[in-house]
Amino acid sequence: QSTWGISKSMLSVCVRRKKQTIFLQIEENETVLDIKTRIMHILASKDEIALGWSVGGELVVLENHKLVKDCNFEHGSVLMMSYKLPSGEFEVFEITPFPLNDYSAAVGV
């Protein structure tokens, strides 16, 4: 237990798909499937999703049985999400960058 009341085995990550961002606190003993289930619950979706992340510049699709502690995530890691298409394949992982110099786009004006 840390001095801030957050377990040392907890990590803060964000999950991104296109313009969508979800912030999660995950535990090292959770599986990738546990994380996917939480995301699907947050999105109120039954659509199957894939999660990926970049390791040394290479995209790795995360396997359901893997534990968080074996994925080598760090605080602030960005995971990518994609939905399963009717064809049975998954979308290409895509993250839309935030516009840094357009305040009206950032606040939805």
C-alpha atoms as a PDB file:
ATOM      1  CA  GLN A   1       0.000   0.000   0.000  1.00  0.00           C
ATOM      2  CA  SER A   2       1.381   3.380  -0.946  1.00  0.00           C
ATOM      3  CA  THR A   3       1.023   6.579   1.063  1.00  0.00           C
ATOM      4  CA  TRP A   4      -1.734   7.751  -1.322  1.00  0.00           C
ATOM      5  CA  GLY A   5      -3.947   4.741  -0.605  1.00  0.00           C
ATOM      6  CA  ILE A   6      -3.309   3.111  -3.975  1.00  0.00           C
ATOM      7  CA  SER A   7      -1.833  -0.344  -4.077  1.00  0.00           C
ATOM      8  CA  LYS A   8       1.672  -0.592  -5.497  1.00  0.00           C
ATOM      9  CA  SER A   9       0.331  -3.294  -7.817  1.00  0.00           C
ATOM     10  CA  MET A  10      -2.105  -0.788  -9.412  1.00  0.00           C
ATOM     11  CA  LEU A  11      -1.315   0.930 -12.696  1.00  0.00           C
ATOM     12  CA  SER A  12      -3.072   3.813 -14.419  1.00  0.00           C
ATOM     13  CA  VAL A  13      -3.441   3.226 -18.152  1.00  0.00           C
ATOM     14  CA  CYS A  14      -5.530   4.664 -20.924  1.00  0.00           C
ATOM     15  CA  VAL A  15      -7.249   2.713 -23.652  1.00  0.00           C
ATOM     16  CA  ARG A  16      -7.692   4.510 -26.985  1.00  0.00           C
ATOM     17  CA  ARG A  17      -9.634   3.881 -30.179  1.00  0.00           C
ATOM     18  CA  LYS A  18      -9.885   6.656 -32.766  1.00  0.00           C
ATOM     19  CA  LYS A  19     -11.128   9.676 -30.717  1.00  0.00           C
ATOM     20  CA  GLN A  20     -12.272   7.572 -27.768  1.00  0.00           C
ATOM     21  CA  THR A  21     -10.251   7.420 -24.539  1.00  0.00           C
ATOM     22  CA  ILE A  22     -10.940   5.357 -21.419  1.00  0.00           C
ATOM     23  CA  PHE A  23      -8.825   5.731 -18.272  1.00  0.00           C
ATOM     24  CA  LEU A  24      -8.450   2.636 -16.096  1.00  0.00           C
ATOM     25  CA  GLN A  25      -6.791   1.540 -12.892  1.00  0.00           C
ATOM     26  CA  ILE A  26      -5.607  -2.018 -13.429  1.00  0.00           C
ATOM     27  CA  GLU A  27      -3.974  -4.512 -11.088  1.00  0.00           C
ATOM     28  CA  GLU A  28      -0.919  -6.599 -11.888  1.00  0.00           C
ATOM     29  CA  ASN A  29      -2.801  -9.855 -11.206  1.00  0.00           C
ATOM     30  CA  GLU A  30      -5.624  -9.073 -13.683  1.00  0.00           C
ATOM     31  CA  THR A  31      -5.701 -10.790 -17.060  1.00  0.00           C
ATOM     32  CA  VAL A  32      -6.119  -9.068 -20.408  1.00  0.00           C
ATOM     33  CA  LEU A  33      -9.568 -10.701 -20.561  1.00  0.00           C
ATOM     34  CA  ASP A  34     -10.452  -9.036 -17.222  1.00  0.00           C
ATOM     35  CA  ILE A  35      -9.506  -5.651 -18.695  1.00  0.00           C
ATOM     36  CA  LYS A  36     -11.503  -6.304 -21.879  1.00  0.00           C
ATOM     37  CA  THR A  37     -14.548  -7.270 -19.806  1.00  0.00           C
ATOM     38  CA  ARG A  38     -14.292  -4.030 -17.803  1.00  0.00           C
ATOM     39  CA  ILE A  39     -14.001  -1.970 -20.996  1.00  0.00           C
ATOM     40  CA  MET A  40     -17.008  -3.701 -22.565  1.00  0.00           C
ATOM     41  CA  HIS A  41     -18.984  -3.008 -19.374  1.00  0.00           C
ATOM     42  CA  ILE A  42     -17.980   0.688 -19.407  1.00  0.00           C
ATOM     43  CA  LEU A  43     -19.012   0.963 -23.060  1.00  0.00           C
ATOM     44  CA  ALA A  44     -22.205  -1.076 -22.460  1.00  0.00           C
ATOM     45  CA  SER A  45     -21.144  -3.162 -25.445  1.00  0.00           C
ATOM     46  CA  LYS A  46     -21.204  -6.874 -26.188  1.00  0.00           C
ATOM     47  CA  ASP A  47     -19.003  -6.439 -29.265  1.00  0.00           C
ATOM     48  CA  GLU A  48     -15.739  -8.358 -29.031  1.00  0.00           C
ATOM     49  CA  ILE A  49     -12.641  -6.182 -28.759  1.00  0.00           C
ATOM     50  CA  ALA A  50      -8.913  -6.630 -29.200  1.00  0.00           C
ATOM     51  CA  LEU A  51      -6.274  -4.790 -27.203  1.00  0.00           C
ATOM     52  CA  GLY A  52      -2.811  -3.996 -28.403  1.00  0.00           C
ATOM     53  CA  TRP A  53       0.176  -1.981 -27.375  1.00  0.00           C
ATOM     54  CA  SER A  54       3.484  -0.903 -28.770  1.00  0.00           C
ATOM     55  CA  VAL A  55       6.595  -2.646 -27.461  1.00  0.00           C
ATOM     56  CA  GLY A  56       9.816  -1.213 -28.841  1.00  0.00           C
ATOM     57  CA  GLY A  57       7.947   0.211 -31.836  1.00  0.00           C
ATOM     58  CA  GLU A  58       6.277  -3.138 -32.612  1.00  0.00           C
ATOM     59  CA  LEU A  59       2.525  -3.578 -32.238  1.00  0.00           C
ATOM     60  CA  VAL A  60       1.655  -6.519 -29.992  1.00  0.00           C
ATOM     61  CA  VAL A  61      -1.906  -7.867 -29.831  1.00  0.00           C
ATOM     62  CA  LEU A  62      -2.504  -8.845 -26.213  1.00  0.00           C
ATOM     63  CA  GLU A  63      -3.584 -12.415 -25.489  1.00  0.00           C
ATOM     64  CA  ASN A  64      -6.583 -12.917 -23.166  1.00  0.00           C
ATOM     65  CA  HIS A  65      -4.749 -15.210 -20.718  1.00  0.00           C
ATOM     66  CA  LYS A  66      -1.774 -12.870 -20.142  1.00  0.00           C
ATOM     67  CA  LEU A  67      -1.425 -11.225 -16.754  1.00  0.00           C
ATOM     68  CA  VAL A  68      -0.875  -7.479 -16.568  1.00  0.00           C
ATOM     69  CA  LYS A  69       2.413  -8.023 -14.718  1.00  0.00           C
ATOM     70  CA  ASP A  70       3.682 -10.064 -17.700  1.00  0.00           C
ATOM     71  CA  CYS A  71       2.808  -7.327 -20.223  1.00  0.00           C
ATOM     72  CA  ASN A  72       5.380  -4.871 -18.778  1.00  0.00           C
ATOM     73  CA  PHE A  73       2.919  -1.960 -18.696  1.00  0.00           C
ATOM     74  CA  GLU A  74       3.973   1.198 -16.882  1.00  0.00           C
ATOM     75  CA  HIS A  75       1.910   3.957 -15.308  1.00  0.00           C
ATOM     76  CA  GLY A  76       0.471   5.975 -18.184  1.00  0.00           C
ATOM     77  CA  SER A  77       0.774   3.226 -20.792  1.00  0.00           C
ATOM     78  CA  VAL A  78      -1.545   3.650 -23.775  1.00  0.00           C
ATOM     79  CA  LEU A  79      -3.350   0.536 -24.942  1.00  0.00           C
ATOM     80  CA  MET A  80      -5.056   0.441 -28.325  1.00  0.00           C
ATOM     81  CA  MET A  81      -8.514  -1.027 -28.832  1.00  0.00           C
ATOM     82  CA  SER A  82     -10.297  -2.339 -31.920  1.00  0.00           C
ATOM     83  CA  TYR A  83     -13.670  -3.964 -32.535  1.00  0.00           C
ATOM     84  CA  LYS A  84     -14.307  -7.273 -34.256  1.00  0.00           C
ATOM     85  CA  LEU A  85     -15.864  -6.721 -37.686  1.00  0.00           C
ATOM     86  CA  PRO A  86     -18.757  -8.804 -39.138  1.00  0.00           C
ATOM     87  CA  SER A  87     -16.138 -10.512 -41.327  1.00  0.00           C
ATOM     88  CA  GLY A  88     -14.564 -11.986 -38.187  1.00  0.00           C
ATOM     89  CA  GLU A  89     -11.424  -9.867 -38.478  1.00  0.00           C
ATOM     90  CA  PHE A  90     -10.600  -6.969 -36.191  1.00  0.00           C
ATOM     91  CA  GLU A  91     -10.372  -3.322 -37.194  1.00  0.00           C
ATOM     92  CA  VAL A  92      -6.920  -1.895 -37.731  1.00  0.00           C
ATOM     93  CA  PHE A  93      -5.766  -0.210 -34.522  1.00  0.00           C
ATOM     94  CA  GLU A  94      -6.274   3.522 -34.985  1.00  0.00           C
ATOM     95  CA  ILE A  95      -5.735   6.425 -32.612  1.00  0.00           C
ATOM     96  CA  THR A  96      -6.716   9.926 -33.694  1.00  0.00           C
ATOM     97  CA  PRO A  97      -4.260  12.484 -32.251  1.00  0.00           C
ATOM     98  CA  PHE A  98      -5.691  15.232 -30.079  1.00  0.00           C
ATOM     99  CA  PRO A  99      -5.597  18.674 -31.738  1.00  0.00           C
ATOM    100  CA  LEU A 100      -3.141  20.557 -29.536  1.00  0.00           C
ATOM    101  CA  ASN A 101      -3.681  24.026 -30.964  1.00  0.00           C
ATOM    102  CA  ASP A 102      -7.443  23.995 -31.563  1.00  0.00           C
ATOM    103  CA  TYR A 103      -9.203  24.871 -28.309  1.00  0.00           C
ATOM    104  CA  SER A 104     -12.683  24.774 -29.870  1.00  0.00           C
ATOM    105  CA  ALA A 105     -12.174  21.166 -30.990  1.00  0.00           C
ATOM    106  CA  ALA A 106     -10.918  20.185 -27.526  1.00  0.00           C
ATOM    107  CA  VAL A 107     -13.956  21.584 -25.727  1.00  0.00           C
ATOM    108  CA  GLY A 108     -16.510  20.690 -28.386  1.00  0.00           C
ATOM    109  CA  VAL A 109     -17.527  24.260 -29.296  1.00  0.00           C
END
